[in-house]
C-alpha cells in the first residue's frame, strides 16, 4: 500500500519526482518530468525548485537543463520526510497513527485550515481505505480510525514505516534504545540474523502494538486465528522466552501471541533451526488454511510437469515462502494486496504469467473457500522461486548460428538461453529440426545456408554481453516477434 495517494496533489508529484530520480539514478529534463507527471513544464519546474529548496547539502540539484538526486538512501528518506512535513494531510494521518483520536477543531486551527477542507480530504482518504475495510470517522468533534484492531495496527505500521523507514523515530512516548535492546533479545530467541534494518522495522511493529494497547485498543483473543494456541504450544521453548521478553514491555499474552504470529508471516523465520518442520507439522495436524494453500500450490505445479528433482533443492525456501505468505494473508486479509507493486510489474512485463496466477488464485479460492484471502502475489513469489515468469509466455523458437567450434557453440547457446529465460520463454537450436521464428548470429555472414519458405528475421549479437545488453536483446526479440505476428495476422 502506498499511502502517498492519500496526500495533496502537489506533495504526490514532488514525491514522484524524487522517487524517479532516486530509483533510476539518472537525471531528467523538465520535458521528461512534465511527461511523467502529466503536467506542464512550469508546474514541473515549480515542484523541482521546491524540492531543491528542501534538499540539504545540494543533493537535489540542477545541472544545465536536467535535475539530479545524488544523495544516499538515508538522504533520500530524509528529503521525503521534508516534503511530507509540508503536507497537512500527512500530519493528520500521523496524528491518527500515534493517538486514538484527533480533535477536529483544534487540528483545523493549528494547521490554519477549514473544517470543511479537512472533511473533504477525509472523504477522499476513506474512498482509498474502503478496500482495506477501514474508515476514518468523525464524531463528537473527534477524528478516529474504525475497523478491525489487527488491520488498524497493520495500517499504522505500514504508514509510519514507509514514511520514516528508520531514519527518524516517530514514537515520542517510547524510548527507542530500550525497545531496540528488547528486540535484539527477541531476534536472538528465534535465532534470526541480527540485521539492523529488520530489527528497527520490528521496533516499529512492537511500538505500534504498545501504543494501541496503552490506549485501550485491545485485540480480542477470539479474533486471532483458531490455530494460534497450537502454534504457541508447538513452539513452546521460544514462545516461553518471547513471553518473558515482551512482558518487560508490559504486553499482554494476546499481544505477544499476535506478534509471534506476525513474525511467522516472514519467510526468514522458517529458515532457522527446525522451525519449518515444526510449523509444517502443526499446520498439517490442524488442517489450517495455510496448509491448504501449500497443498493447492504443489498439486498444481506437479500437474503441469514440474519434477521433484527440480523442486527439492529449493524446497525449504519454497515451503517457507508459502507458509509466510499464507500466514500474512490469513492474519491481514484486507492487506493481502500490499505487494501490488509485484503484480503490477508482472502484469506489465509477463502478461501470460499474470493471467495464469490470477486464474489460479480464483481457482484455489473456488476449490477451497478457506482461501478467500488469497491474492495473486501469494502465488507469484512462490512461482518465481522455482521458475521464471517467462516460462508461462509463448515459446519462441530461435536458431543459433556461429563460427565457433561445435562444443563452444553449444556452451554459448545454452548460456545465452538461460540468460534470456529471465525475460522470455525461448528455446534455442543449431540444427534444422523446426522452422525458427528468429535467427541469432554472432557474425554478420551467414554460416549455414538454409532456405525457408518465409523470410526469418535475424539478429547479430556480440559474443560478450552484459546483463543490461541481455535485457535489451530480450526487448529487441520481443519487438521483432511482435512485428512478425502482426504481419502474419
Protein backbone atom coordinates (compact mmCIF):
# COMPACT_ATOMS: atom_id res chain seq x y z
CA UNK A 1 0.00 0.00 0.00
CA UNK A 2 1.32 3.42 -0.98
CA UNK A 3 -0.21 5.90 1.45
CA UNK A 4 1.16 8.79 -0.64
CA UNK A 5 -2.05 8.53 -2.69
CA UNK A 6 -3.85 9.94 0.36
CA UNK A 7 -1.91 13.20 0.18
CA UNK A 8 -2.40 16.53 -1.58
CA UNK A 9 -1.67 16.51 -5.31
CA UNK A 10 1.44 18.78 -5.20
CA UNK A 11 3.00 16.62 -2.48
CA UNK A 12 2.33 13.47 -4.51
CA UNK A 13 4.01 15.00 -7.58
CA UNK A 14 7.08 16.09 -5.62
CA UNK A 15 7.47 12.61 -4.13
CA UNK A 16 7.08 11.11 -7.62
CA UNK A 17 9.89 13.31 -8.98
CA UNK A 18 12.21 12.44 -6.13
CA UNK A 19 11.46 8.72 -6.34
CA UNK A 20 12.06 8.70 -10.11
CA UNK A 21 15.46 10.37 -9.82
CA UNK A 22 16.48 8.23 -6.84
CA UNK A 23 15.45 4.82 -8.19
CA UNK A 24 16.74 5.31 -11.74
CA UNK A 25 19.98 7.05 -10.66
CA UNK A 26 19.59 9.16 -13.80
CA UNK A 27 18.99 12.84 -14.47
CA UNK A 28 15.76 14.03 -16.05
CA UNK A 29 14.89 17.13 -18.04
CA UNK A 30 11.82 19.26 -17.35
CA UNK A 31 10.28 17.86 -20.53
CA UNK A 32 10.70 14.30 -19.26
CA UNK A 33 9.42 15.17 -15.79
CA UNK A 34 6.38 17.02 -17.12
CA UNK A 35 5.52 13.92 -19.20
CA UNK A 36 5.96 11.73 -16.12
CA UNK A 37 3.72 13.98 -14.00
CA UNK A 38 1.27 14.71 -16.83
CA UNK A 39 1.56 18.44 -16.20
CA UNK A 40 3.10 21.45 -17.96
CA UNK A 41 6.79 22.34 -17.67
CA UNK A 42 6.14 25.38 -15.47
CA UNK A 43 4.42 23.20 -12.85
CA UNK A 44 7.21 20.62 -13.05
CA UNK A 45 9.77 23.42 -12.60
CA UNK A 46 7.98 24.73 -9.51
CA UNK A 47 7.91 21.26 -7.94
CA UNK A 48 11.61 20.68 -8.70
CA UNK A 49 12.61 24.03 -7.25
CA UNK A 50 10.60 23.35 -4.10
CA UNK A 51 12.41 20.03 -3.63
CA UNK A 52 15.74 21.76 -4.28
CA UNK A 53 14.99 24.30 -1.52
CA UNK A 54 14.30 21.46 0.92
CA UNK A 55 17.40 19.50 -0.07
CA UNK A 56 20.30 19.58 2.39
CA UNK A 57 23.86 19.89 1.05
CA UNK A 58 22.61 20.35 -2.51
CA UNK A 59 21.82 16.65 -3.02
CA UNK A 60 18.90 17.51 -5.29
CA UNK A 61 20.42 19.78 -7.88
CA UNK A 62 20.05 21.22 -11.34
CA UNK A 63 22.84 20.95 -13.88
CA UNK A 64 22.30 22.63 -17.24
CA UNK A 65 18.69 21.63 -18.13
CA UNK A 66 18.50 18.43 -16.05
CA UNK A 67 17.72 17.62 -12.42
CA UNK A 68 19.69 15.03 -10.41
CA UNK A 69 19.46 13.43 -7.00
CA UNK A 70 22.93 12.49 -5.75
CA UNK A 71 22.21 11.54 -2.14
CA UNK A 72 22.30 8.22 -0.31
CA UNK A 73 19.26 6.13 0.69
CA UNK A 74 19.26 7.94 4.04
CA UNK A 75 19.42 11.33 2.30
CA UNK A 76 16.50 10.24 0.14
CA UNK A 77 14.33 9.25 3.11
CA UNK A 78 15.16 12.47 4.94
CA UNK A 79 14.16 14.50 1.89
CA UNK A 80 10.93 12.50 1.67
CA UNK A 81 10.21 13.50 5.27
CA UNK A 82 10.95 17.16 4.47
CA UNK A 83 8.38 17.03 1.66
CA UNK A 84 5.85 15.24 3.87
CA UNK A 85 6.32 17.86 6.56
CA UNK A 86 4.64 20.36 4.20
CA UNK A 87 1.55 18.14 3.90
CA UNK A 88 -1.37 18.90 6.21
CA UNK A 89 -2.92 15.53 5.35
CA UNK A 90 0.26 13.69 6.32
CA UNK A 91 0.21 15.48 9.69
CA UNK A 92 -3.39 14.31 10.17
CA UNK A 93 -2.56 10.70 9.21
CA UNK A 94 0.48 10.68 11.50
CA UNK A 95 -1.60 12.00 14.42
CA UNK A 96 -4.22 9.32 13.83
CA UNK A 97 -1.44 6.70 13.84
CA UNK A 98 0.05 7.93 17.11
CA UNK A 99 -3.10 8.76 19.06
CA UNK A 100 -6.53 7.17 19.42
CA UNK A 101 -8.25 10.29 18.16
CA UNK A 102 -7.59 13.82 16.92
CA UNK A 103 -9.62 16.88 17.91
CA UNK A 104 -11.17 18.17 14.67
CA UNK A 105 -11.49 21.85 15.66
CA UNK A 106 -8.09 22.06 17.36
CA UNK A 107 -6.30 20.44 14.41
CA UNK A 108 -8.01 22.79 11.94
CA UNK A 109 -6.95 25.84 13.97
CA UNK A 110 -3.38 24.57 14.43
CA UNK A 111 -2.94 23.93 10.68
CA UNK A 112 -4.91 27.02 9.67
CA UNK A 113 -7.37 25.14 7.50
CA UNK A 114 -11.15 24.99 7.49
CA UNK A 115 -13.04 22.03 8.91
CA UNK A 116 -14.87 21.63 5.58
CA UNK A 117 -11.49 21.33 3.77
CA UNK A 118 -10.45 18.66 6.26
CA UNK A 119 -13.71 16.75 5.89
CA UNK A 120 -13.35 16.72 2.07
CA UNK A 121 -9.90 15.15 2.40
CA UNK A 122 -11.18 12.61 4.90
CA UNK A 123 -13.86 11.61 2.37
CA UNK A 124 -11.13 11.15 -0.25
CA UNK A 125 -8.98 9.05 2.11
CA UNK A 126 -11.97 6.88 3.01
CA UNK A 127 -12.53 6.01 -0.64
CA UNK A 128 -8.97 4.69 -0.75
CA UNK A 129 -9.30 2.89 2.59
CA UNK A 130 -12.53 1.18 1.60
CA UNK A 131 -10.75 -1.83 0.09
CA UNK A 132 -8.98 -2.38 3.43
CA UNK A 133 -12.32 -2.31 5.29
CA UNK A 134 -11.11 0.62 7.41
CA UNK A 135 -12.60 4.10 7.74
CA UNK A 136 -11.69 7.45 9.25
CA UNK A 137 -14.71 8.58 11.25
CA UNK A 138 -15.69 11.87 12.85
CA UNK A 139 -17.93 12.01 15.89
CA UNK A 140 -18.36 14.36 18.83
CA UNK A 141 -15.66 16.58 17.41
CA UNK A 142 -13.08 13.75 17.24
CA UNK A 143 -11.42 12.04 14.27
CA UNK A 144 -10.50 8.36 14.66
CA UNK A 145 -9.89 5.14 12.70
CA UNK A 146 -12.60 2.49 12.77
CA UNK A 147 -12.17 -1.18 11.85
CA UNK A 148 -10.60 -4.44 12.97
CA UNK A 149 -7.87 -3.76 15.53
CA UNK A 150 -5.46 -6.16 13.83
CA UNK A 151 -5.92 -4.41 10.49
CA UNK A 152 -5.62 -0.94 12.10
CA UNK A 153 -2.29 -1.91 13.64
CA UNK A 154 -1.03 -3.16 10.31
CA UNK A 155 -2.12 0.05 8.59
CA UNK A 156 -0.32 2.19 11.19
CA UNK A 157 2.86 0.12 10.80
CA UNK A 158 2.74 0.45 7.00
CA UNK A 159 2.23 4.21 7.06
CA UNK A 160 4.90 5.01 9.67
CA UNK A 161 7.48 2.59 8.31
CA UNK A 162 7.02 3.84 4.76
CA UNK A 163 7.32 7.46 5.88
CA UNK A 164 10.22 7.17 8.35
CA UNK A 165 11.92 3.90 7.37
CA UNK A 166 14.20 4.00 10.38
CA UNK A 167 15.67 7.44 9.59
CA UNK A 168 13.70 9.04 12.44
CA UNK A 169 11.83 7.59 15.41
CA UNK A 170 8.21 8.82 15.32
CA UNK A 171 7.04 7.50 18.73
CA UNK A 172 7.68 10.26 21.31
CA UNK A 173 6.36 8.25 24.27
CA UNK A 174 8.55 5.18 23.64
CA UNK A 175 12.29 5.04 24.26
CA UNK A 176 13.87 3.69 21.08
CA UNK A 177 17.11 2.42 22.67
CA UNK A 178 15.30 0.44 25.37
CA UNK A 179 12.96 -1.07 22.81
CA UNK A 180 15.81 -1.86 20.41
CA UNK A 181 17.56 -3.75 23.22
CA UNK A 182 14.45 -5.91 23.78
CA UNK A 183 14.07 -6.52 20.03
CA UNK A 184 17.71 -7.58 19.84
CA UNK A 185 16.94 -10.15 22.54
CA UNK A 186 13.84 -11.31 20.66
CA UNK A 187 15.87 -11.84 17.48
CA UNK A 188 18.33 -13.98 19.45
CA UNK A 189 15.48 -16.03 20.93
CA UNK A 190 14.23 -17.01 17.46
CA UNK A 191 17.76 -17.30 16.03
CA UNK A 192 17.29 -14.56 13.45
CA UNK A 193 20.30 -12.85 11.92
CA UNK A 194 20.84 -9.50 13.73
CA UNK A 195 20.08 -7.30 10.71
CA UNK A 196 19.83 -3.69 11.92
CA UNK A 197 17.19 -2.54 9.42
CA UNK A 198 14.96 -5.55 10.11
CA UNK A 199 15.32 -5.03 13.87
CA UNK A 200 14.40 -1.34 13.54
CA UNK A 201 11.40 -2.34 11.43
CA UNK A 202 10.37 -4.76 14.18
CA UNK A 203 10.77 -1.91 16.68
CA UNK A 204 8.11 -0.04 14.67
CA UNK A 205 5.81 -3.08 14.74
CA UNK A 206 6.18 -3.58 18.50
CA UNK A 207 5.90 0.18 19.17
CA UNK A 208 2.55 0.25 17.34
CA UNK A 209 1.42 -2.70 19.49
CA UNK A 210 2.49 -0.92 22.68
CA UNK A 211 0.79 2.33 21.66
CA UNK A 212 -2.54 0.77 20.76
CA UNK A 213 -2.53 -1.41 23.87
CA UNK A 214 -1.76 1.56 26.15
CA UNK A 215 -4.60 3.49 24.52
CA UNK A 216 -7.02 0.71 25.45
CA UNK A 217 -7.39 -0.66 21.92
CA UNK A 218 -7.15 -4.40 22.55
CA UNK A 219 -7.20 -7.38 20.20
CA UNK A 220 -9.95 -9.78 21.31
CA UNK A 221 -8.47 -13.22 21.85
CA UNK A 222 -11.21 -14.77 19.69
CA UNK A 223 -10.15 -12.64 16.69
CA UNK A 224 -6.80 -14.44 16.49
CA UNK A 225 -6.65 -17.50 14.16
CA UNK A 226 -8.13 -20.67 15.63
CA UNK A 227 -4.73 -22.38 15.44
CA UNK A 228 -2.93 -19.69 17.48
CA UNK A 229 -2.68 -21.74 20.68
CA UNK A 230 -1.48 -24.77 18.72
CA UNK A 231 1.40 -22.80 17.20
CA UNK A 232 2.18 -21.18 20.54
CA UNK A 233 2.34 -24.52 22.32
CA UNK A 234 4.15 -26.21 19.44
CA UNK A 235 6.98 -23.67 19.68
CA UNK A 236 6.93 -23.98 23.45
CA UNK A 237 10.59 -23.14 24.16
CA UNK A 238 10.87 -19.96 22.13
CA UNK A 239 7.27 -18.95 22.96
CA UNK A 240 8.10 -19.05 26.67
CA UNK A 241 11.18 -16.90 26.18
CA UNK A 242 9.31 -14.43 23.97
CA UNK A 243 6.61 -14.14 26.63
CA UNK A 244 9.21 -13.11 29.22
CA UNK A 245 10.78 -10.71 26.71
CA UNK A 246 7.53 -8.95 25.86
CA UNK A 247 6.33 -8.93 29.47
CA UNK A 248 9.15 -6.47 30.17
CA UNK A 249 7.38 -4.22 27.65
CA UNK A 250 4.11 -4.76 29.58
CA UNK A 251 2.41 -6.52 26.69
CA UNK A 252 -0.45 -8.93 27.30
CA UNK A 253 -0.30 -12.60 26.32
CA UNK A 254 -2.72 -11.93 23.45
CA UNK A 255 -0.48 -9.17 22.09
CA UNK A 256 2.55 -11.44 22.48
CA UNK A 257 0.82 -14.25 20.58
CA UNK A 258 -0.23 -11.77 17.90
CA UNK A 259 3.38 -10.61 17.45
CA UNK A 260 4.54 -14.23 17.31
CA UNK A 261 2.04 -14.92 14.53
CA UNK A 262 3.14 -11.75 12.73
CA UNK A 263 6.73 -12.98 12.95
CA UNK A 264 5.67 -16.13 11.11
CA UNK A 265 4.45 -14.06 8.16
CA UNK A 266 8.13 -13.54 7.25
CA UNK A 267 9.86 -16.32 5.27
CA UNK A 268 13.14 -15.75 7.15
CA UNK A 269 11.52 -17.12 10.33
CA UNK A 270 11.32 -20.63 8.89
CA UNK A 271 14.88 -20.89 7.62
CA UNK A 272 16.49 -21.32 11.04
CA UNK A 273 16.80 -24.41 13.21
CA UNK A 274 13.89 -26.84 12.65
CA UNK A 275 11.18 -24.16 12.62
CA UNK A 276 9.98 -25.12 9.14
CA UNK A 277 9.43 -28.76 10.09
CA UNK A 278 7.69 -27.81 13.34
CA UNK A 279 5.40 -25.28 11.64
CA UNK A 280 4.57 -27.67 8.78
CA UNK A 281 3.60 -30.47 11.17
CA UNK A 282 1.36 -28.11 13.14
CA UNK A 283 -0.36 -26.74 10.05
CA UNK A 284 -0.93 -30.29 8.78
CA UNK A 285 -2.26 -31.52 12.12
CA UNK A 286 -4.76 -28.66 12.45
CA UNK A 287 -5.68 -28.52 8.74
CA UNK A 288 -5.09 -24.78 8.57
CA UNK A 289 -5.83 -22.61 5.52
CA UNK A 290 -2.08 -22.04 5.31
CA UNK A 291 -1.57 -25.76 4.74
CA UNK A 292 -4.39 -25.71 2.18
CA UNK A 293 -2.52 -23.05 0.18
CA UNK A 294 0.62 -25.19 0.35
CA UNK A 295 -1.24 -28.31 -0.85
CA UNK A 296 -3.06 -26.49 -3.67
CA UNK A 297 0.17 -24.96 -4.95
CA UNK A 298 2.08 -28.24 -5.01
CA UNK A 299 -0.82 -30.12 -6.62
CA UNK A 300 -0.83 -27.58 -9.43
CA UNK A 301 2.92 -27.47 -10.13
CA UNK A 302 3.13 -31.27 -10.23
CA UNK A 303 0.12 -31.40 -12.55
CA UNK A 304 1.87 -29.18 -15.11
CA UNK A 305 5.02 -31.27 -15.19
CA UNK A 306 7.39 -29.93 -12.54
CA UNK A 307 9.68 -32.70 -11.28
CA UNK A 308 10.64 -33.29 -7.67
CA UNK A 309 14.31 -33.29 -8.70
CA UNK A 310 13.96 -29.68 -9.84
CA UNK A 311 11.96 -28.53 -6.83
CA UNK A 312 13.73 -30.32 -3.96
CA UNK A 313 16.89 -28.15 -3.89
CA UNK A 314 14.68 -25.08 -3.40
CA UNK A 315 12.01 -26.74 -1.29
CA UNK A 316 12.95 -25.19 2.10
CA UNK A 317 12.75 -21.66 0.67
CA UNK A 318 9.61 -22.53 -1.29
CA UNK A 319 7.88 -24.02 1.76
CA UNK A 320 8.94 -21.09 3.94
CA UNK A 321 7.60 -18.60 1.39
CA UNK A 322 4.26 -20.41 1.08
CA UNK A 323 3.83 -20.60 4.86
CA UNK A 324 4.83 -16.95 5.32
CA UNK A 325 2.54 -15.67 2.57
CA UNK A 326 -0.25 -17.87 3.87
CA UNK A 327 0.16 -16.54 7.40
CA UNK A 328 0.24 -12.98 6.12
CA UNK A 329 -2.86 -13.43 4.01
CA UNK A 330 -4.77 -15.10 6.85
CA UNK A 331 -3.71 -12.57 9.50
CA UNK A 332 -4.17 -9.46 7.40
CA UNK A 333 -6.71 -10.37 4.69
CA UNK A 334 -7.52 -6.75 3.92
CA UNK A 335 -3.83 -6.17 3.22
CA UNK A 336 -3.22 -9.19 1.01
CA UNK A 337 -2.78 -6.72 -1.84
CA UNK A 338 0.04 -4.75 -0.22
CA UNK A 339 2.52 -6.23 -2.66
CA UNK A 340 0.60 -4.68 -5.52
CA UNK A 341 3.92 -3.50 -6.98
CA UNK A 342 4.87 -7.12 -7.64
CA UNK A 343 1.70 -7.88 -9.60
CA UNK A 344 1.90 -4.54 -11.43
CA UNK A 345 5.44 -5.36 -12.58
CA UNK A 346 4.33 -8.84 -13.65
CA UNK A 347 1.27 -7.53 -15.49
CA UNK A 348 3.48 -5.14 -17.47
CA UNK A 349 6.36 -7.50 -18.24
CA UNK A 350 4.86 -11.00 -18.13
CA UNK A 351 1.20 -10.80 -19.16
CA UNK A 352 0.83 -14.57 -19.68
CA UNK A 353 2.16 -15.27 -16.17
CA UNK A 354 -0.08 -12.52 -14.76
CA UNK A 355 -3.17 -14.10 -16.31
CA UNK A 356 -2.15 -17.54 -15.02
CA UNK A 357 -1.62 -16.51 -11.39
CA UNK A 358 -4.90 -14.58 -11.44
CA UNK A 359 -6.69 -17.62 -12.84
CA UNK A 360 -5.05 -19.86 -10.26
CA UNK A 361 -5.86 -17.64 -7.28
CA UNK A 362 -9.54 -17.63 -8.32
CA UNK A 363 -9.50 -21.40 -8.87
CA UNK A 364 -7.89 -22.08 -5.49
CA UNK A 365 -10.47 -19.88 -3.77
CA UNK A 366 -13.33 -21.60 -5.60
CA UNK A 367 -11.99 -25.06 -4.73
CA UNK A 368 -11.26 -24.15 -1.10
CA UNK A 369 -13.36 -21.31 0.40
CA UNK A 370 -10.91 -21.15 3.34
CA UNK A 371 -8.54 -19.40 0.90
CA UNK A 372 -10.87 -16.43 0.40
CA UNK A 373 -7.99 -14.10 1.37
CA UNK A 374 -5.74 -15.35 -1.43
CA UNK A 375 -4.34 -12.88 -3.96
CA UNK A 376 -2.06 -13.39 -6.98
CA UNK A 377 1.07 -12.11 -5.23
CA UNK A 378 0.84 -15.02 -2.75
CA UNK A 379 1.43 -17.34 -5.69
CA UNK A 380 3.78 -15.11 -7.70
CA UNK A 381 6.58 -15.16 -5.15
CA UNK A 382 6.41 -18.93 -4.82
CA UNK A 383 6.45 -19.49 -8.58
CA UNK A 384 9.44 -17.19 -9.04
CA UNK A 385 11.48 -19.39 -6.67
CA UNK A 386 11.22 -22.39 -8.98
CA UNK A 387 10.80 -20.87 -12.43
CA UNK A 388 10.98 -17.64 -14.37
CA UNK A 389 7.70 -15.83 -15.08
CA UNK A 390 8.76 -16.03 -18.73
CA UNK A 391 8.11 -19.79 -18.60
CA UNK A 392 4.41 -19.03 -19.00
CA UNK A 393 4.96 -16.93 -22.13
CA UNK A 394 4.51 -18.33 -25.61
CA UNK A 395 7.62 -20.25 -26.61
CA UNK A 396 9.94 -18.50 -29.07
CA UNK A 397 11.99 -20.82 -31.31
CA UNK A 398 15.44 -19.43 -32.12
CA UNK A 399 18.06 -20.84 -34.48
CA UNK A 400 21.60 -20.07 -33.33
CA UNK A 401 24.45 -19.62 -35.82
CA UNK A 402 28.14 -19.05 -35.04
CA UNK A 403 31.55 -19.78 -36.49
CA UNK A 404 32.65 -21.34 -33.18
CA UNK A 405 33.79 -24.96 -32.79
CA UNK A 406 30.73 -27.12 -32.09
CA UNK A 407 31.49 -27.59 -28.38
CA UNK A 408 31.92 -23.88 -27.76
CA UNK A 409 28.84 -23.08 -29.83
CA UNK A 410 26.67 -25.40 -27.76
CA UNK A 411 28.02 -23.99 -24.48
CA UNK A 412 27.45 -20.39 -25.56
CA UNK A 413 23.97 -21.22 -26.89
CA UNK A 414 23.00 -22.82 -23.57
CA UNK A 415 24.35 -19.86 -21.59
CA UNK A 416 22.50 -17.32 -23.77
CA UNK A 417 19.26 -19.28 -23.49
CA UNK A 418 19.47 -19.34 -19.69
CA UNK A 419 20.21 -15.59 -19.54
CA UNK A 420 17.28 -14.76 -21.82
CA UNK A 421 14.88 -17.05 -19.92
CA UNK A 422 14.65 -14.39 -17.21
CA UNK A 423 12.68 -12.34 -19.73
CA UNK A 424 11.47 -14.71 -22.47
CA UNK A 425 10.42 -18.32 -22.91
CA UNK A 426 13.00 -19.21 -25.56
CA UNK A 427 14.21 -22.49 -26.97
CA UNK A 428 17.49 -22.50 -28.93
CA UNK A 429 18.71 -24.95 -31.54
CA UNK A 430 21.56 -25.08 -34.04
CA UNK A 431 20.04 -27.82 -36.19
CA UNK A 432 17.15 -27.96 -38.66
CA UNK A 433 14.51 -29.80 -36.66
CA UNK A 434 11.98 -26.98 -36.87
CA UNK A 435 11.44 -23.70 -38.63
CA UNK A 436 12.55 -20.94 -36.23
CA UNK A 437 10.78 -17.67 -35.55
CA UNK A 438 14.13 -15.89 -35.27
CA UNK A 439 17.77 -16.43 -36.20
CA UNK A 440 20.51 -15.12 -33.92
CA UNK A 441 24.05 -14.95 -35.26
CA UNK A 442 27.40 -13.98 -33.78
CA UNK A 443 28.69 -12.90 -37.19
CA UNK A 444 27.23 -10.79 -39.98
CA UNK A 445 27.95 -13.53 -42.50
CA UNK A 446 25.51 -16.46 -42.60
CA UNK A 447 27.43 -19.62 -41.78
CA UNK A 448 24.89 -22.25 -42.82
CA UNK A 449 22.78 -21.75 -45.92
CA UNK A 450 19.21 -22.77 -45.19
CA UNK A 451 16.24 -21.80 -47.34
CA UNK A 452 12.89 -21.24 -45.65
CA UNK A 453 9.60 -20.63 -47.41
CA UNK A 454 9.21 -17.39 -45.48
CA UNK A 455 11.85 -14.84 -44.59
CA UNK A 456 13.02 -15.26 -40.98
CA UNK A 457 14.08 -12.13 -39.05
CA UNK A 458 17.76 -12.14 -37.98
CA UNK A 459 19.78 -10.51 -35.21
CA UNK A 460 23.55 -10.27 -34.94
CA UNK A 461 24.91 -10.11 -31.40
CA UNK A 462 28.23 -9.65 -29.66
CA UNK A 463 30.00 -12.66 -28.18
CA UNK A 464 30.32 -10.76 -24.87
CA UNK A 465 27.15 -9.23 -23.43
CA UNK A 466 26.47 -7.55 -20.10
CA UNK A 467 23.26 -8.14 -18.13
CA UNK A 468 21.91 -4.82 -19.42
CA UNK A 469 22.67 -5.85 -23.02
CA UNK A 470 20.91 -9.19 -22.43
CA UNK A 471 17.84 -7.29 -21.26
CA UNK A 472 17.96 -5.01 -24.32
CA UNK A 473 18.33 -8.08 -26.54
CA UNK A 474 15.20 -9.57 -24.95
CA UNK A 475 13.31 -6.36 -25.72
CA UNK A 476 14.54 -6.42 -29.31
CA UNK A 477 13.46 -10.05 -29.72
CA UNK A 478 10.02 -9.22 -28.38
CA UNK A 479 9.72 -6.32 -30.81
CA UNK A 480 10.71 -8.49 -33.78
CA UNK A 481 8.41 -11.36 -32.84
CA UNK A 482 5.52 -8.98 -32.15
CA UNK A 483 6.06 -7.26 -35.51
CA UNK A 484 6.14 -10.60 -37.36
CA UNK A 485 2.98 -11.74 -35.56
CA UNK A 486 1.13 -8.58 -36.58
CA UNK A 487 2.28 -9.00 -40.22
CA UNK A 488 1.11 -12.61 -40.21
CA UNK A 489 -2.32 -11.53 -38.99
